[in-house]
Protein backbone atom coordinates (compact mmCIF):
# COMPACT_ATOMS: atom_id res chain seq x y z
CA MET A 1 82.84 129.27 35.45
CA SER A 2 79.78 127.05 35.64
CA LYS A 3 78.42 124.86 32.73
CA ASN A 4 75.17 123.68 32.04
CA GLN A 5 74.58 119.88 32.70
CA TRP A 6 72.74 117.97 30.16
CA VAL A 7 71.22 114.26 30.41
CA VAL A 8 71.54 112.69 26.56
CA GLN A 9 70.59 109.10 25.59
CA ARG A 10 73.42 106.87 24.32
CA LYS A 11 72.96 104.01 22.48
CA ASP A 12 72.70 101.59 25.52
CA SER A 13 72.69 104.05 28.33
CA TRP A 14 72.18 107.72 29.65
CA ALA A 15 74.81 110.36 30.00
CA VAL A 16 75.82 113.52 31.65
CA ARG A 17 77.59 115.64 29.87
CA GLY A 18 78.86 119.42 30.67
CA GLU A 19 77.92 121.93 28.05
CA GLY A 20 80.78 122.63 25.51
CA ASN A 21 82.51 119.38 26.39
CA THR A 22 83.69 116.88 23.98
CA ARG A 23 83.24 114.08 26.29
CA ASP A 24 80.93 112.62 28.41
CA THR A 25 80.90 113.24 32.26
CA SER A 26 79.38 109.89 33.14
CA HIS A 27 77.44 107.23 31.99
CA HIS A 28 74.10 105.70 33.93
CA ALA A 29 71.92 102.77 33.35
CA THR A 30 68.69 104.67 33.67
CA GLN A 31 67.56 108.25 32.79
CA ARG A 32 66.61 108.78 36.57
CA GLU A 33 70.23 107.76 37.72
CA ALA A 34 71.67 110.26 35.02
CA ILE A 35 69.30 113.08 36.02
CA ASP A 36 70.13 112.68 39.74
CA ALA A 37 74.02 112.82 39.20
CA ALA A 38 73.11 115.99 36.68
CA ARG A 39 71.31 117.64 39.04
CA GLN A 40 73.94 117.22 41.89
CA THR A 41 76.50 118.80 39.74
CA ALA A 42 73.97 121.62 38.28
CA ARG A 43 73.57 122.45 42.23
CA ASN A 44 77.16 122.29 42.83
CA GLN A 45 78.14 124.82 40.10
CA GLN A 46 74.92 126.86 40.16
CA SER A 47 73.99 125.91 36.70
CA GLU A 48 71.06 124.98 34.88
CA LEU A 49 70.18 121.00 34.13
CA ILE A 50 68.55 120.39 30.67
CA ILE A 51 66.93 116.95 30.05
CA LYS A 52 66.71 115.36 26.48
CA GLY A 53 63.90 112.95 26.34
CA ARG A 54 64.19 109.45 24.12
CA ASP A 55 63.00 111.61 20.84
CA GLY A 56 66.08 114.26 21.28
CA LYS A 57 63.89 116.82 22.19
CA ILE A 58 64.33 119.17 25.63
CA ARG A 59 61.71 117.69 27.80
CA ALA A 60 62.57 119.49 30.91
CA ARG A 61 64.84 122.00 32.15
CA ASP A 62 65.73 123.31 36.04
CA SER A 63 67.97 126.18 36.82
CA TYR A 64 70.01 126.17 40.15
CA GLY A 65 71.91 129.28 39.39
CA ASN A 66 71.46 133.00 40.75
CA ASP A 67 68.54 133.80 38.09
CA PRO A 68 65.65 135.41 40.18
CA PHE A 69 63.29 134.01 37.48
CA PRO A 70 64.50 130.42 36.45
CA PRO A 71 62.70 128.00 34.46
CA ARG A 72 61.46 125.38 36.73
CA ASP A 73 60.82 121.54 36.17
CA LYS A 74 56.93 120.82 36.93
CA SER A 75 57.57 117.44 38.33
């Protein structure tokens, strides 16, 4: 089963965490690096990428699953 991939801010870094996991999958110095890593995992697992901004709110989503009408990031 594929898990959605979340990009979240940590104290001094950015992390990728699979939905429902208790531990982060990876840590990165920048949000861009975390997004790139999470996007690759989401593509491989055909799941959704969810990016949280510095304020903790969802700022973007991107779907790589089989949904015929997926949300797409506008960037």
